[in-house]
Amino acid sequence: MQRIKFDMGELIAFVVTAEKASFRHAADALFLSPPALSRRVERLEAAVGARLLERTTRHVELTAIGQEFLQEARAALAGLEEAIQRVNDQQKLRRGRVSIACIPSVAINLLPNLLAKFAVQQPDVQVHVIDESAPQVLDAVLKGDADFGISFTGSQESSLRFEALTRERYMLAMPRSHPWAARPHIPWAELSGQRLVSVSHKSGNRLLLDQVMAELPHQPVAWYECNHVAGALALVEAGLGLSAIPHLALRPDHPNLCAIPLTEPDLWRTLGFLQRRDRVLGPSAQAFRTHLQQELLPMPEAVSMAPERTAPAKAR
């Protein structure tokens, strides 16, 4: 097969000249002098072995062969541009940076294993984790400090999009030595008279828990309060009480604590992605988001049980 010798500059010169139908206008667009542009087109015609343009004193017209060649030239340039873009995207993906905001239970008990798998696939991508309460996660996404967030049931902010990933149910955390530790489930009503360790009113979980407990005939007493679930679990481990927590807040292999499903009613919250509607994720952030989505669905605790309640639509 005979090799045709011409460079991309000559091909671009021909395409722009054909589209402008003028050597002068094409030369201006390419920042060349008209004679330099003309020489490029002539070299391309010599390589192709056919005249592609008919020159007149006022304008330029394509020959019949030039009309056919123009379509092929455009396709070749478009294909090369796509190939370069794919390479650039791959380079950005390999050397990119991702910022994710998430609630502490996700950061502590869910994200590490997912990050470890992602690091094997994309070892050069840096990941910044903003592990804060639900309102702060919301704020980080709104301000653009995070590419996206993972929190529980969404937001009423019109500028944000919430995409549900999975649901997690509420459990009762207790020491493994507790008499209830071997039970399959525990009705909320049995918490009456028990000393509880609760999260404070600043936590997004507190509103939902208060709504359920307000309907009990004898409300449990919150003897201790912490701002975050991690602090509440430390007090449970010290034997100071029991705590109603989301499923992801406690690792199943915790050496000293276990969590038993709370029932009557079953209580759930929905975890999902928070992202600004006007934000387009870069290659690294999109790859990480896709990785999380694939790994999180389905989760064992996402199996529906009835009757149930779910967290309110607005994260606080």
Protein backbone atom coordinates (compact mmCIF):
# COMPACT_ATOMS: atom_id res chain seq x y z
CA MET A 1 0.00 0.00 0.00
CA GLN A 2 1.42 3.35 -1.06
CA ARG A 3 1.90 5.79 1.79
CA ILE A 4 0.45 9.25 1.19
CA LYS A 5 2.70 11.94 2.61
CA PHE A 6 1.00 15.06 3.93
CA ASP A 7 0.70 16.62 7.36
CA MET A 8 -2.27 17.73 9.43
CA GLY A 9 -1.57 21.39 8.74
CA GLU A 10 -2.11 20.81 5.04
CA LEU A 11 -5.34 18.91 5.66
CA ILE A 12 -6.64 21.64 7.97
CA ALA A 13 -5.66 24.30 5.42
CA PHE A 14 -7.74 22.56 2.75
CA VAL A 15 -10.82 22.11 4.99
CA VAL A 16 -10.83 25.71 6.23
CA THR A 17 -10.28 27.08 2.72
CA ALA A 18 -13.13 24.97 1.37
CA GLU A 19 -15.45 26.10 4.17
CA LYS A 20 -14.51 29.78 3.83
CA ALA A 21 -14.49 29.61 0.01
CA SER A 22 -11.70 32.18 0.18
CA PHE A 23 -7.93 31.96 0.58
CA ARG A 24 -7.82 35.36 2.23
CA HIS A 25 -10.49 34.54 4.83
CA ALA A 26 -9.02 31.11 5.47
CA ALA A 27 -5.54 32.59 5.87
CA ASP A 28 -6.88 35.07 8.43
CA ALA A 29 -8.62 32.27 10.36
CA LEU A 30 -5.41 30.18 10.46
CA PHE A 31 -3.09 33.15 11.09
CA LEU A 32 -1.18 32.48 7.87
CA SER A 33 -0.33 34.59 4.88
CA PRO A 34 -2.35 33.79 1.72
CA PRO A 35 0.78 32.54 -0.14
CA ALA A 36 1.68 30.21 2.77
CA LEU A 37 -1.85 28.86 2.85
CA SER A 38 -1.84 28.35 -0.91
CA ARG A 39 1.40 26.36 -0.71
CA ARG A 40 -0.09 24.04 1.93
CA VAL A 41 -3.13 23.30 -0.23
CA GLU A 42 -0.90 22.73 -3.28
CA ARG A 43 1.25 20.23 -1.34
CA LEU A 44 -1.90 18.35 -0.29
CA GLU A 45 -3.15 18.25 -3.90
CA ALA A 46 0.24 16.93 -5.01
CA ALA A 47 0.09 14.19 -2.34
CA VAL A 48 -3.47 13.23 -3.29
CA GLY A 49 -2.71 13.44 -6.99
CA ALA A 50 -5.74 15.50 -7.94
CA ARG A 51 -6.88 19.11 -7.95
CA LEU A 52 -9.21 19.74 -5.01
CA LEU A 53 -9.95 23.46 -5.42
CA GLU A 54 -10.67 25.69 -8.39
CA ARG A 55 -9.22 29.17 -7.83
CA THR A 56 -10.75 32.30 -9.33
CA THR A 57 -9.97 35.92 -8.73
CA ARG A 58 -12.87 36.33 -6.28
CA HIS A 59 -13.55 32.98 -4.62
CA VAL A 60 -12.67 29.31 -4.38
CA GLU A 61 -14.79 26.37 -5.45
CA LEU A 62 -14.43 22.67 -4.78
CA THR A 63 -13.85 20.31 -7.68
CA ALA A 64 -15.92 17.15 -7.87
CA ILE A 65 -13.05 15.20 -6.31
CA GLY A 66 -12.59 18.00 -3.77
CA GLN A 67 -16.21 17.68 -2.65
CA GLU A 68 -15.74 13.97 -1.94
CA PHE A 69 -12.39 14.50 -0.28
CA LEU A 70 -13.78 17.24 1.98
CA GLN A 71 -16.15 14.77 3.65
CA GLU A 72 -13.32 12.32 4.27
CA ALA A 73 -11.02 15.07 5.54
CA ARG A 74 -13.64 16.31 8.01
CA ALA A 75 -14.22 12.77 9.27
CA ALA A 76 -10.48 12.22 9.69
CA LEU A 77 -10.03 15.42 11.67
CA ALA A 78 -13.05 14.65 13.86
CA GLY A 79 -11.74 11.14 14.55
CA LEU A 80 -8.34 12.49 15.51
CA GLU A 81 -9.91 15.09 17.81
CA GLU A 82 -11.94 12.38 19.55
CA ALA A 83 -8.86 10.21 19.96
CA ILE A 84 -6.92 13.09 21.50
CA GLN A 85 -9.83 13.86 23.83
CA ARG A 86 -9.98 10.22 24.98
CA VAL A 87 -6.26 10.26 25.75
CA ASN A 88 -6.63 13.55 27.64
CA ASP A 89 -9.55 12.15 29.63
CA GLN A 90 -7.55 9.05 30.52
CA GLN A 91 -4.63 11.21 31.64
CA LYS A 92 -6.94 13.35 33.77
CA LEU A 93 -8.52 10.21 35.22
CA ARG A 94 -5.15 8.72 36.15
CA ARG A 95 -3.88 11.93 37.72
CA GLY A 96 -7.12 13.49 38.91
CA ARG A 97 -8.46 14.58 42.26
CA VAL A 98 -11.87 13.89 43.77
CA SER A 99 -13.53 15.59 46.72
CA ILE A 100 -16.44 13.82 48.38
CA ALA A 101 -18.51 14.95 51.37
CA CYS A 102 -20.23 12.27 53.43
CA ILE A 103 -21.76 11.64 56.82
CA PRO A 104 -19.44 10.05 59.44
CA SER A 105 -21.05 6.59 59.36
CA VAL A 106 -20.29 6.36 55.63
CA ALA A 107 -16.76 7.68 56.09
CA ILE A 108 -15.93 5.27 58.91
CA ASN A 109 -17.67 2.03 58.04
CA LEU A 110 -18.37 2.11 54.32
CA LEU A 111 -15.93 4.29 52.44
CA PRO A 112 -12.57 2.71 53.44
CA ASN A 113 -13.22 -0.61 51.66
CA LEU A 114 -14.67 1.16 48.62
CA LEU A 115 -11.68 3.49 48.46
CA ALA A 116 -9.28 0.55 48.70
CA LYS A 117 -10.87 -1.07 45.64
CA PHE A 118 -10.88 2.19 43.73
CA ALA A 119 -7.20 2.77 44.55
CA VAL A 120 -6.34 -0.52 42.84
CA GLN A 121 -8.17 0.60 39.68
CA GLN A 122 -6.96 4.22 39.74
CA PRO A 123 -3.85 4.44 41.92
CA ASP A 124 -2.97 8.02 40.88
CA VAL A 125 -6.33 9.61 41.70
CA GLN A 126 -6.26 11.63 44.91
CA VAL A 127 -9.41 11.57 47.06
CA HIS A 128 -10.34 14.20 49.66
CA VAL A 129 -13.01 13.05 52.11
CA ILE A 130 -15.06 15.68 53.97
CA ASP A 131 -16.66 13.67 56.77
CA GLU A 132 -19.18 15.86 58.52
CA SER A 133 -22.80 15.95 59.69
CA ALA A 134 -25.63 15.96 57.16
CA PRO A 135 -26.07 19.79 57.16
CA GLN A 136 -22.34 20.28 56.60
CA VAL A 137 -22.33 17.71 53.80
CA LEU A 138 -25.14 19.67 52.20
CA ASP A 139 -23.22 22.91 52.62
CA ALA A 140 -20.01 21.47 51.12
CA VAL A 141 -21.86 20.35 48.00
CA LEU A 142 -23.70 23.67 47.65
CA LYS A 143 -20.48 25.69 47.96
CA GLY A 144 -18.65 23.48 45.49
CA ASP A 145 -16.11 22.29 48.07
CA ALA A 146 -17.13 18.71 47.22
CA ASP A 147 -17.74 17.23 43.78
CA PHE A 148 -20.68 15.35 45.28
CA GLY A 149 -21.92 14.14 48.63
CA ILE A 150 -23.37 11.02 50.24
CA SER A 151 -26.01 11.73 52.84
CA PHE A 152 -29.47 10.59 53.80
CA THR A 153 -32.73 11.55 52.27
CA GLY A 154 -31.98 14.53 50.27
CA SER A 155 -32.69 18.19 50.40
CA GLN A 156 -35.33 20.71 49.44
CA GLU A 157 -32.64 22.85 47.78
CA SER A 158 -33.76 23.31 44.17
CA SER A 159 -30.15 23.64 43.03
CA LEU A 160 -29.31 20.11 44.23
CA ARG A 161 -30.18 16.72 42.81
CA PHE A 162 -30.61 13.73 45.12
CA GLU A 163 -30.20 10.23 43.67
CA ALA A 164 -31.15 7.42 46.04
CA LEU A 165 -28.61 4.63 46.39
CA THR A 166 -29.84 2.34 49.11
CA ARG A 167 -31.67 2.27 52.44
CA GLU A 168 -30.42 1.38 55.88
CA ARG A 169 -32.55 0.45 58.84
CA TYR A 170 -32.23 1.56 62.44
CA MET A 171 -30.75 -0.84 64.93
CA LEU A 172 -30.26 -0.95 68.68
CA ALA A 173 -26.58 -0.91 69.65
CA MET A 174 -25.55 -2.71 72.83
CA PRO A 175 -22.61 -4.60 74.34
CA ARG A 176 -22.27 -8.19 73.14
CA SER A 177 -22.67 -9.25 76.76
CA HIS A 178 -26.16 -7.66 77.03
CA PRO A 179 -29.09 -10.08 77.64
CA TRP A 180 -30.77 -8.85 74.43
CA ALA A 181 -27.72 -9.46 72.23
CA ALA A 182 -28.95 -12.85 70.97
CA ARG A 183 -32.44 -11.65 70.01
CA PRO A 184 -33.44 -11.44 66.31
CA HIS A 185 -35.21 -8.10 66.76
CA ILE A 186 -36.43 -5.71 69.45
CA PRO A 187 -39.72 -3.73 69.37
CA TRP A 188 -39.37 -0.03 70.10
CA ALA A 189 -41.86 -0.35 72.96
CA GLU A 190 -39.37 -2.47 74.91
CA LEU A 191 -37.05 0.51 75.16
CA SER A 192 -39.37 2.03 77.77
CA GLY A 193 -37.54 2.19 81.06
CA GLN A 194 -34.14 1.70 79.42
CA ARG A 195 -31.30 4.18 79.72
CA LEU A 196 -30.43 5.41 76.24
CA VAL A 197 -27.45 7.13 74.74
CA SER A 198 -28.71 9.55 72.10
CA VAL A 199 -27.34 11.90 69.49
CA SER A 200 -28.01 15.58 70.10
CA HIS A 201 -30.63 17.73 68.42
CA LYS A 202 -27.91 18.91 66.01
CA SER A 203 -27.85 15.46 64.41
CA GLY A 204 -30.03 14.64 61.41
CA ASN A 205 -31.02 11.36 63.10
CA ARG A 206 -32.53 12.94 66.20
CA LEU A 207 -35.75 14.28 64.65
CA LEU A 208 -36.70 10.90 63.22
CA LEU A 209 -35.92 9.07 66.45
CA ASP A 210 -37.92 11.56 68.53
CA GLN A 211 -40.93 11.12 66.25
CA VAL A 212 -40.94 7.35 66.78
CA MET A 213 -40.35 7.49 70.52
CA ALA A 214 -43.04 10.13 71.03
CA GLU A 215 -45.64 7.51 70.12
CA LEU A 216 -44.45 4.98 72.71
CA PRO A 217 -46.64 4.57 75.80
CA HIS A 218 -43.63 5.08 78.07
CA GLN A 219 -40.83 7.09 76.53
CA PRO A 220 -37.23 6.01 77.14
CA VAL A 221 -34.92 8.50 78.79
CA ALA A 222 -31.83 9.81 77.03
CA TRP A 223 -29.33 9.86 79.87
CA TYR A 224 -26.40 10.82 77.66
CA GLU A 225 -26.17 12.83 74.46
CA CYS A 226 -23.39 13.18 71.88
CA ASN A 227 -23.14 15.27 68.73
CA HIS A 228 -22.19 12.27 66.60
CA VAL A 229 -23.06 8.59 66.52
CA ALA A 230 -19.40 7.62 66.97
CA GLY A 231 -19.40 9.32 70.38
CA ALA A 232 -22.67 7.65 71.34
CA LEU A 233 -21.22 4.22 70.51
CA ALA A 234 -18.22 4.89 72.72
CA LEU A 235 -20.58 5.48 75.65
CA VAL A 236 -22.53 2.31 74.81
CA GLU A 237 -19.26 0.40 74.83
CA ALA A 238 -18.56 1.83 78.29
CA GLY A 239 -21.84 0.27 79.50
CA LEU A 240 -23.70 3.55 79.99
CA GLY A 241 -26.79 2.62 77.96
CA LEU A 242 -28.25 1.49 74.63
CA SER A 243 -28.42 3.56 71.44
CA ALA A 244 -30.68 3.59 68.37
CA ILE A 245 -28.35 3.96 65.38
CA PRO A 246 -28.38 3.57 61.59
CA HIS A 247 -27.16 0.22 60.32
CA LEU A 248 -23.95 1.58 58.79
CA ALA A 249 -22.88 3.29 62.00
CA LEU A 250 -21.59 0.05 63.53
CA ARG A 251 -19.32 -2.44 61.82
CA PRO A 252 -20.66 -6.00 62.14
CA ASP A 253 -17.22 -7.23 63.26
CA HIS A 254 -17.00 -4.78 66.18
CA PRO A 255 -15.34 -6.77 69.00
CA ASN A 256 -17.46 -5.43 71.87
CA LEU A 257 -20.73 -4.15 70.37
CA CYS A 258 -23.55 -5.59 68.30
CA ALA A 259 -26.69 -4.13 66.74
CA ILE A 260 -30.17 -5.72 66.72
CA PRO A 261 -32.92 -4.59 64.29
CA LEU A 262 -35.59 -2.34 65.84
CA THR A 263 -39.14 -3.24 64.83
CA GLU A 264 -42.79 -2.20 65.26
CA PRO A 265 -42.28 0.03 63.38
CA ASP A 266 -39.32 -0.80 61.15
CA LEU A 267 -37.45 2.44 60.64
CA TRP A 268 -35.28 3.24 57.61
CA ARG A 269 -33.36 6.10 56.09
CA THR A 270 -32.36 6.49 52.45
CA LEU A 271 -28.75 7.12 51.47
CA GLY A 272 -27.94 8.75 48.17
CA PHE A 273 -25.80 11.06 46.10
CA LEU A 274 -26.12 14.83 46.48
CA GLN A 275 -24.88 16.85 43.52
CA ARG A 276 -25.37 20.37 42.23
CA ARG A 277 -27.56 20.42 39.14
CA ASP A 278 -25.23 22.83 37.36
CA ARG A 279 -22.07 20.82 38.08
CA VAL A 280 -20.59 18.45 35.50
CA LEU A 281 -18.25 15.94 37.10
CA GLY A 282 -14.74 15.56 35.75
CA PRO A 283 -13.45 12.16 34.59
CA SER A 284 -11.97 11.21 37.99
CA ALA A 285 -15.02 12.29 40.00
CA GLN A 286 -17.39 10.55 37.59
CA ALA A 287 -15.32 7.35 37.72
CA PHE A 288 -15.36 7.40 41.52
CA ARG A 289 -19.09 8.10 41.63
CA THR A 290 -19.77 5.20 39.25
CA HIS A 291 -17.54 2.94 41.36
CA LEU A 292 -19.47 3.81 44.52
CA GLN A 293 -22.79 3.28 42.81
CA GLN A 294 -21.79 -0.17 41.55
CA GLU A 295 -20.41 -1.23 44.92
CA LEU A 296 -23.28 0.10 47.03
CA LEU A 297 -26.11 -1.60 45.10
CA PRO A 298 -27.58 -3.75 46.38
CA MET A 299 -26.83 -3.75 50.09
CA PRO A 300 -28.20 -6.55 52.28
CA GLU A 301 -30.11 -4.15 54.53
CA ALA A 302 -31.87 -2.61 51.50
CA VAL A 303 -34.41 -5.44 51.48
CA SER A 304 -37.81 -3.97 52.25
CA MET A 305 -39.79 -5.02 55.30
CA ALA A 306 -43.28 -3.83 56.18
CA PRO A 307 -44.67 -1.98 58.04
CA GLU A 308 -41.97 0.69 57.90
CA ARG A 309 -41.18 4.35 58.26
CA THR A 310 -38.59 6.34 56.40
CA ALA A 311 -36.62 9.43 57.19
CA PRO A 312 -38.22 12.78 56.33
CA ALA A 313 -37.50 14.35 52.95
CA LYS A 314 -35.38 17.20 54.27
CA ALA A 315 -31.97 16.55 55.77
CA ARG A 316 -31.32 18.71 58.79
